[in-house]
Amino acid sequence: MISLALNGRYLDLTDDKYSESYGAVDNVSTSEAGTTLRAVTRTHIPTLSVAYKCIEEEKAFLDECDKASMLTASKWSEEDSGAELEWPCYMSGYSADLIVDGSSHRFYKVSFKLNDLEN
């Protein structure tokens, strides 16, 4: 199980489903003179896919995150002995579907992907 915060606000991932992937970027190009130009190689670039149920107040927060050009994500994992990963990112593929309209709260099934901003 993970704990996830966006811009310092913790998300209630009680019914969480997520997947992580890490990539690398290695840009190689050739100049007009035929020499090879190599950019700095970045490894361990995070991408996090999340789907869970939330109440309408948290959905409203996620609606705003979806419009933001940059977010700061913080992730803690029990499997990694509480190790923290923090990175600048943006949200993509956001969707929110109403699943329960109760007397006290509306519940939504939300899903989104957090992509590394510098990738």
Protein backbone atom coordinates (compact mmCIF):
# COMPACT_ATOMS: atom_id res chain seq x y z
CA MET A 1 0.00 0.00 0.00
CA ILE A 2 1.16 3.52 -0.75
CA SER A 3 0.42 6.96 0.61
CA LEU A 4 0.17 9.68 -2.01
CA ALA A 5 0.07 13.46 -1.69
CA LEU A 6 -0.45 16.01 -4.47
CA ASN A 7 0.79 19.53 -3.72
CA GLY A 8 0.99 18.57 -0.05
CA ARG A 9 -2.57 17.22 0.25
CA TYR A 10 -2.90 13.54 1.10
CA LEU A 11 -5.28 11.46 -0.99
CA ASP A 12 -7.44 8.88 0.77
CA LEU A 13 -6.32 5.73 -1.05
CA THR A 14 -8.28 3.27 1.11
CA ASP A 15 -9.59 1.36 -1.92
CA ASP A 16 -6.48 1.88 -3.95
CA LYS A 17 -5.33 0.38 -7.18
CA TYR A 18 -2.14 1.65 -8.70
CA SER A 19 0.75 0.67 -10.89
CA GLU A 20 4.19 2.18 -11.15
CA SER A 21 6.64 2.20 -13.99
CA TYR A 22 10.05 3.76 -14.37
CA GLY A 23 11.73 4.75 -17.59
CA ALA A 24 14.94 6.28 -18.84
CA VAL A 25 15.70 9.04 -21.31
CA ASP A 26 18.87 9.06 -23.37
CA ASN A 27 18.81 11.63 -26.17
CA VAL A 28 21.37 11.13 -28.92
CA SER A 29 21.50 13.34 -31.98
CA THR A 30 23.97 14.23 -34.70
CA SER A 31 25.20 17.72 -35.43
CA GLU A 32 25.49 19.17 -38.94
CA ALA A 33 29.21 18.40 -38.82
CA GLY A 34 28.46 14.73 -38.20
CA THR A 35 29.55 14.59 -34.58
CA THR A 36 27.42 12.76 -32.05
CA LEU A 37 25.74 14.93 -29.42
CA ARG A 38 24.61 13.18 -26.26
CA ALA A 39 22.35 14.80 -23.67
CA VAL A 40 22.37 13.93 -20.01
CA THR A 41 20.84 10.50 -19.40
CA ARG A 42 18.04 10.36 -16.84
CA THR A 43 16.99 7.07 -15.30
CA HIS A 44 14.29 6.00 -12.84
CA ILE A 45 11.70 8.46 -14.24
CA PRO A 46 8.42 7.75 -12.42
CA THR A 47 4.96 7.26 -13.88
CA LEU A 48 2.13 6.36 -11.52
CA SER A 49 -1.36 5.19 -12.52
CA VAL A 50 -4.01 5.46 -9.80
CA ALA A 51 -7.67 4.46 -9.54
CA TYR A 52 -9.74 4.67 -6.35
CA LYS A 53 -13.04 5.77 -4.79
CA CYS A 54 -13.36 9.20 -3.22
CA ILE A 55 -15.91 11.67 -1.89
CA GLU A 56 -16.97 14.83 -3.71
CA GLU A 57 -14.57 17.15 -1.81
CA GLU A 58 -11.57 15.12 -2.92
CA LYS A 59 -12.97 14.91 -6.47
CA ALA A 60 -13.15 18.73 -6.54
CA PHE A 61 -9.47 18.88 -5.52
CA LEU A 62 -8.56 16.38 -8.26
CA ASP A 63 -10.58 18.43 -10.79
CA GLU A 64 -8.28 21.39 -10.00
CA CYS A 65 -5.16 19.19 -10.18
CA ASP A 66 -6.21 18.08 -13.65
CA LYS A 67 -6.20 21.73 -14.79
CA ALA A 68 -2.81 22.53 -13.22
CA SER A 69 0.25 22.70 -15.44
CA MET A 70 2.48 21.32 -12.68
CA LEU A 71 1.96 19.28 -9.52
CA THR A 72 4.34 18.03 -6.86
CA ALA A 73 3.66 14.39 -6.06
CA SER A 74 4.95 12.68 -2.91
CA LYS A 75 4.69 8.92 -2.52
CA TRP A 76 5.47 6.76 0.49
CA SER A 77 5.48 2.99 0.29
CA GLU A 78 5.31 0.44 3.10
CA GLU A 79 7.00 -2.08 0.79
CA ASP A 80 9.99 0.27 0.43
CA SER A 81 10.35 0.70 4.22
CA GLY A 82 8.68 4.09 4.13
CA ALA A 83 10.95 5.47 1.41
CA GLU A 84 9.69 8.73 -0.05
CA LEU A 85 9.72 9.71 -3.70
CA GLU A 86 8.89 13.30 -4.63
CA TRP A 87 8.78 14.57 -8.18
CA PRO A 88 7.33 17.35 -10.37
CA CYS A 89 4.60 15.94 -12.57
CA TYR A 90 1.40 16.58 -14.47
CA MET A 91 -1.87 14.67 -14.51
CA SER A 92 -3.21 12.96 -17.62
CA GLY A 93 -6.12 10.69 -18.44
CA TYR A 94 -8.21 11.97 -15.52
CA SER A 95 -11.74 10.64 -15.26
CA ALA A 96 -14.34 10.71 -12.49
CA ASP A 97 -17.55 8.69 -12.54
CA LEU A 98 -20.35 9.00 -10.00
CA ILE A 99 -20.94 5.58 -8.42
CA VAL A 100 -23.06 6.31 -5.31
CA ASP A 101 -25.30 9.28 -4.61
CA GLY A 102 -26.05 8.81 -0.91
CA SER A 103 -27.86 10.98 1.57
CA SER A 104 -24.65 12.33 3.10
CA HIS A 105 -22.01 12.01 0.35
CA ARG A 106 -21.52 11.37 -3.31
CA PHE A 107 -18.84 8.81 -4.10
CA TYR A 108 -16.80 8.83 -7.30
CA LYS A 109 -14.50 6.34 -8.99
CA VAL A 110 -11.53 8.39 -10.16
CA SER A 111 -8.54 7.41 -12.22
CA PHE A 112 -5.54 9.30 -13.54
CA LYS A 113 -1.88 9.02 -14.41
CA LEU A 114 0.94 11.12 -12.97
CA ASN A 115 3.68 11.73 -15.53
CA ASP A 116 7.12 13.14 -14.90
CA LEU A 117 7.15 16.81 -15.89
CA GLU A 118 10.76 16.79 -17.09
CA ASN A 119 10.43 13.74 -19.34
